[in-house]
N, C-alpha and C. Protein backbone atom coordinates (compact mmCIF):
# COMPACT_ATOMS: atom_id res chain seq x y z
N MET A 1 204.27 32.94 11.83
CA MET A 1 205.52 33.37 12.40
C MET A 1 206.14 32.19 13.14
N SER A 2 207.41 32.03 13.00
CA SER A 2 208.10 30.91 13.63
C SER A 2 208.35 31.18 15.11
N SER A 3 208.58 30.11 15.84
CA SER A 3 208.87 30.27 17.26
C SER A 3 210.20 30.98 17.47
N ARG A 4 211.11 30.81 16.53
CA ARG A 4 212.41 31.50 16.60
C ARG A 4 212.20 33.01 16.54
N GLN A 5 211.37 33.46 15.62
CA GLN A 5 211.08 34.89 15.49
C GLN A 5 210.35 35.40 16.73
N GLU A 6 209.46 34.60 17.29
CA GLU A 6 208.76 35.00 18.51
C GLU A 6 209.72 35.15 19.68
N LYS A 7 210.70 34.26 19.78
CA LYS A 7 211.70 34.37 20.83
C LYS A 7 212.51 35.65 20.70
N ILE A 8 212.89 35.98 19.48
CA ILE A 8 213.67 37.20 19.24
C ILE A 8 212.84 38.43 19.58
N GLU A 9 211.57 38.44 19.17
CA GLU A 9 210.70 39.57 19.49
C GLU A 9 210.50 39.69 20.99
N GLY A 10 210.37 38.56 21.67
CA GLY A 10 210.24 38.59 23.12
C GLY A 10 211.46 39.18 23.79
N LEU A 11 212.65 38.83 23.28
CA LEU A 11 213.89 39.40 23.81
C LEU A 11 213.93 40.91 23.62
N VAL A 12 213.53 41.35 22.44
CA VAL A 12 213.55 42.79 22.13
C VAL A 12 212.60 43.53 23.06
N LEU A 13 211.39 42.98 23.25
CA LEU A 13 210.43 43.65 24.13
C LEU A 13 210.91 43.64 25.58
N GLN A 14 211.63 42.63 25.96
CA GLN A 14 212.15 42.55 27.31
C GLN A 14 213.23 43.61 27.55
N VAL A 15 214.00 43.91 26.52
CA VAL A 15 215.13 44.82 26.65
C VAL A 15 214.75 46.28 26.46
N LEU A 16 213.84 46.56 25.54
CA LEU A 16 213.52 47.96 25.23
C LEU A 16 212.88 48.69 26.40
N SER A 17 213.17 49.96 26.48
CA SER A 17 212.67 50.81 27.56
C SER A 17 211.47 51.61 27.08
N TYR A 18 210.56 51.91 28.02
CA TYR A 18 209.42 52.77 27.71
C TYR A 18 209.83 54.23 27.68
N TYR A 19 210.92 54.59 28.36
CA TYR A 19 211.26 55.99 28.56
C TYR A 19 212.50 56.46 27.81
N GLU A 20 213.45 55.57 27.60
CA GLU A 20 214.71 55.97 26.97
C GLU A 20 214.85 55.29 25.61
N PRO A 21 214.91 56.07 24.52
CA PRO A 21 215.14 55.46 23.21
C PRO A 21 216.49 54.76 23.17
N MET A 22 216.53 53.60 22.53
CA MET A 22 217.75 52.80 22.50
C MET A 22 218.19 52.56 21.07
N SER A 23 219.50 52.66 20.86
CA SER A 23 220.06 52.37 19.54
C SER A 23 220.20 50.86 19.38
N PHE A 24 220.55 50.44 18.18
CA PHE A 24 220.72 49.02 17.88
C PHE A 24 221.79 48.41 18.76
N GLU A 25 222.89 49.13 18.95
CA GLU A 25 223.99 48.63 19.77
C GLU A 25 223.58 48.50 21.23
N MET A 26 222.81 49.46 21.73
CA MET A 26 222.35 49.40 23.12
C MET A 26 221.42 48.20 23.34
N ILE A 27 220.59 47.91 22.34
CA ILE A 27 219.69 46.76 22.43
C ILE A 27 220.51 45.48 22.54
N LEU A 28 221.52 45.36 21.68
CA LEU A 28 222.36 44.15 21.72
C LEU A 28 223.12 44.02 23.03
N LEU A 29 223.63 45.12 23.56
CA LEU A 29 224.39 45.07 24.80
C LEU A 29 223.52 44.74 26.01
N ASP A 30 222.27 45.15 25.99
CA ASP A 30 221.38 44.91 27.12
C ASP A 30 220.72 43.53 27.11
N MET A 31 220.82 42.81 26.00
CA MET A 31 220.22 41.47 25.93
C MET A 31 220.98 40.50 26.83
N PRO A 32 220.26 39.71 27.60
CA PRO A 32 220.93 38.71 28.45
C PRO A 32 221.62 37.65 27.60
N GLN A 33 222.88 37.40 27.88
CA GLN A 33 223.68 36.46 27.08
C GLN A 33 223.13 35.04 27.13
N ASP A 34 222.61 34.62 28.27
CA ASP A 34 222.09 33.25 28.36
C ASP A 34 220.86 33.05 27.48
N LEU A 35 220.04 34.10 27.32
CA LEU A 35 218.88 33.98 26.44
C LEU A 35 219.27 34.03 24.96
N ILE A 36 220.32 34.78 24.65
CA ILE A 36 220.80 34.82 23.27
C ILE A 36 221.38 33.47 22.86
N ARG A 37 222.03 32.80 23.79
CA ARG A 37 222.62 31.49 23.49
C ARG A 37 221.57 30.44 23.19
N GLU A 38 220.34 30.63 23.66
CA GLU A 38 219.26 29.69 23.38
C GLU A 38 218.83 29.74 21.91
N ILE A 39 219.16 30.83 21.23
CA ILE A 39 218.81 30.98 19.81
C ILE A 39 220.08 30.75 19.00
N PRO A 40 220.20 29.60 18.35
CA PRO A 40 221.44 29.34 17.58
C PRO A 40 221.53 30.23 16.34
N ASP A 41 222.75 30.61 16.01
CA ASP A 41 223.03 31.45 14.82
C ASP A 41 222.22 32.74 14.80
N PHE A 42 222.15 33.40 15.95
CA PHE A 42 221.46 34.69 16.06
C PHE A 42 222.26 35.73 15.29
N ASN A 43 221.60 36.50 14.40
CA ASN A 43 222.33 37.51 13.62
C ASN A 43 221.55 38.82 13.52
N ARG A 44 222.19 39.80 12.93
CA ARG A 44 221.63 41.16 12.86
C ARG A 44 220.38 41.23 12.00
N GLU A 45 220.34 40.47 10.91
CA GLU A 45 219.19 40.51 10.00
C GLU A 45 217.91 40.07 10.72
N GLU A 46 218.04 39.04 11.56
CA GLU A 46 216.88 38.57 12.30
C GLU A 46 216.41 39.60 13.32
N LEU A 47 217.36 40.29 13.93
CA LEU A 47 216.99 41.35 14.87
C LEU A 47 216.32 42.51 14.14
N ASP A 48 216.82 42.85 12.95
CA ASP A 48 216.18 43.90 12.14
C ASP A 48 214.75 43.51 11.77
N GLN A 49 214.55 42.25 11.38
CA GLN A 49 213.21 41.77 11.03
C GLN A 49 212.28 41.83 12.23
N ALA A 50 212.80 41.46 13.41
CA ALA A 50 211.99 41.51 14.62
C ALA A 50 211.59 42.94 14.95
N LEU A 51 212.53 43.88 14.81
CA LEU A 51 212.22 45.29 15.07
C LEU A 51 211.17 45.81 14.11
N LEU A 52 211.29 45.47 12.84
CA LEU A 52 210.29 45.91 11.86
C LEU A 52 208.92 45.29 12.12
N SER A 53 208.92 44.02 12.50
CA SER A 53 207.66 43.34 12.81
C SER A 53 206.97 43.98 14.02
N LEU A 54 207.74 44.28 15.05
CA LEU A 54 207.17 44.91 16.24
C LEU A 54 206.69 46.33 15.93
N LYS A 55 207.37 47.00 15.02
CA LYS A 55 206.93 48.34 14.61
C LYS A 55 205.58 48.25 13.88
N LYS A 56 205.44 47.25 13.03
CA LYS A 56 204.17 47.07 12.31
C LYS A 56 203.03 46.72 13.26
N GLN A 57 203.35 46.01 14.34
CA GLN A 57 202.35 45.67 15.35
C GLN A 57 202.08 46.82 16.32
N LYS A 58 202.81 47.92 16.14
CA LYS A 58 202.70 49.13 16.95
C LYS A 58 203.02 48.87 18.42
N LEU A 59 204.01 47.99 18.66
CA LEU A 59 204.49 47.75 20.00
C LEU A 59 205.74 48.57 20.30
N ILE A 60 206.44 49.00 19.25
CA ILE A 60 207.61 49.86 19.41
C ILE A 60 207.53 50.99 18.39
N LYS A 61 208.33 52.01 18.61
CA LYS A 61 208.33 53.19 17.75
C LYS A 61 209.76 53.50 17.34
N LEU A 62 209.94 53.84 16.08
CA LEU A 62 211.25 54.25 15.57
C LEU A 62 211.36 55.75 15.72
N MET A 63 212.40 56.18 16.42
CA MET A 63 212.60 57.61 16.65
C MET A 63 213.97 58.00 16.10
N SER A 64 213.98 58.64 14.95
CA SER A 64 215.24 59.14 14.42
C SER A 64 214.95 60.34 13.53
N LYS A 65 215.90 61.22 13.47
CA LYS A 65 215.77 62.39 12.62
C LYS A 65 216.37 62.07 11.26
N PRO A 66 215.91 62.73 10.21
CA PRO A 66 216.48 62.45 8.88
C PRO A 66 217.98 62.68 8.80
N LYS A 67 218.51 63.59 9.59
CA LYS A 67 219.94 63.88 9.55
C LYS A 67 220.76 62.81 10.26
N ASP A 68 220.16 62.15 11.23
CA ASP A 68 220.89 61.17 12.03
C ASP A 68 221.03 59.84 11.31
N LYS A 69 222.17 59.20 11.52
CA LYS A 69 222.39 57.86 10.98
C LYS A 69 221.78 56.81 11.90
N ASP A 70 221.86 57.07 13.20
CA ASP A 70 221.40 56.10 14.18
C ASP A 70 219.88 56.08 14.28
N LYS A 71 219.35 54.87 14.33
CA LYS A 71 217.92 54.70 14.58
C LYS A 71 217.76 54.43 16.06
N LEU A 72 216.78 55.06 16.65
CA LEU A 72 216.50 54.87 18.06
C LEU A 72 215.11 54.25 18.20
N TRP A 73 215.02 53.22 19.02
CA TRP A 73 213.78 52.48 19.21
C TRP A 73 213.25 52.71 20.61
N LEU A 74 211.92 52.82 20.73
CA LEU A 74 211.28 53.06 22.01
C LEU A 74 210.06 52.16 22.11
N ARG A 75 209.90 51.52 23.25
CA ARG A 75 208.74 50.66 23.47
C ARG A 75 207.54 51.52 23.81
N LEU A 76 206.38 51.18 23.26
CA LEU A 76 205.16 51.94 23.49
C LEU A 76 204.32 51.31 24.59
N PHE A 77 203.64 52.16 25.34
CA PHE A 77 202.72 51.67 26.35
C PHE A 77 201.53 51.01 25.66
N PRO A 78 201.01 49.92 26.23
CA PRO A 78 199.83 49.30 25.62
C PRO A 78 198.63 50.23 25.70
N LYS A 79 197.88 50.28 24.62
CA LYS A 79 196.72 51.15 24.58
C LYS A 79 195.55 50.47 25.27
N LYS A 80 194.74 51.27 25.95
CA LYS A 80 193.55 50.75 26.61
C LYS A 80 192.38 50.87 25.64
N SER A 81 191.48 49.91 25.73
CA SER A 81 190.30 49.95 24.89
C SER A 81 189.33 51.00 25.43
N ILE A 82 188.34 51.32 24.63
CA ILE A 82 187.34 52.32 25.04
C ILE A 82 186.59 51.85 26.27
N ILE A 83 186.28 50.57 26.33
CA ILE A 83 185.56 50.02 27.47
C ILE A 83 186.39 50.15 28.74
N GLN A 84 187.69 49.85 28.66
CA GLN A 84 188.56 49.99 29.83
C GLN A 84 188.63 51.43 30.30
N ARG A 85 188.68 52.36 29.36
CA ARG A 85 188.74 53.77 29.75
C ARG A 85 187.44 54.22 30.40
N LEU A 86 186.30 53.77 29.86
CA LEU A 86 185.01 54.15 30.45
C LEU A 86 184.85 53.55 31.85
N LEU A 87 185.25 52.30 32.02
CA LEU A 87 185.14 51.67 33.33
C LEU A 87 186.04 52.34 34.35
N SER A 88 187.17 52.87 33.94
CA SER A 88 188.06 53.53 34.89
C SER A 88 187.44 54.84 35.44
N TYR A 89 186.55 55.47 34.68
CA TYR A 89 185.89 56.67 35.16
C TYR A 89 184.90 56.37 36.26
N PHE A 90 184.30 55.18 36.25
CA PHE A 90 183.28 54.82 37.22
C PHE A 90 183.85 54.19 38.48
N LYS A 91 185.13 53.97 38.54
CA LYS A 91 185.73 53.37 39.74
C LYS A 91 186.02 54.39 40.78
């Protein structure tokens, strides 16, 4: 994966909410302009690729109904390992 793609994915993770699903337009509006300017020729296809990549990594979730045109994205909480869960019981 290129550093350009990693920067875009980092931006997406920075913007997405854990609690409120966000549409594509909301994601673009919430991105800091100064960070977007650091990525030359930023376009929609790259953002779509970043969203799909993050979905495959199970860091975000696509929430949309078949009837709806809009796709809504939601950031997922990081999962704890079995060892972390067991240690939390003993604390």
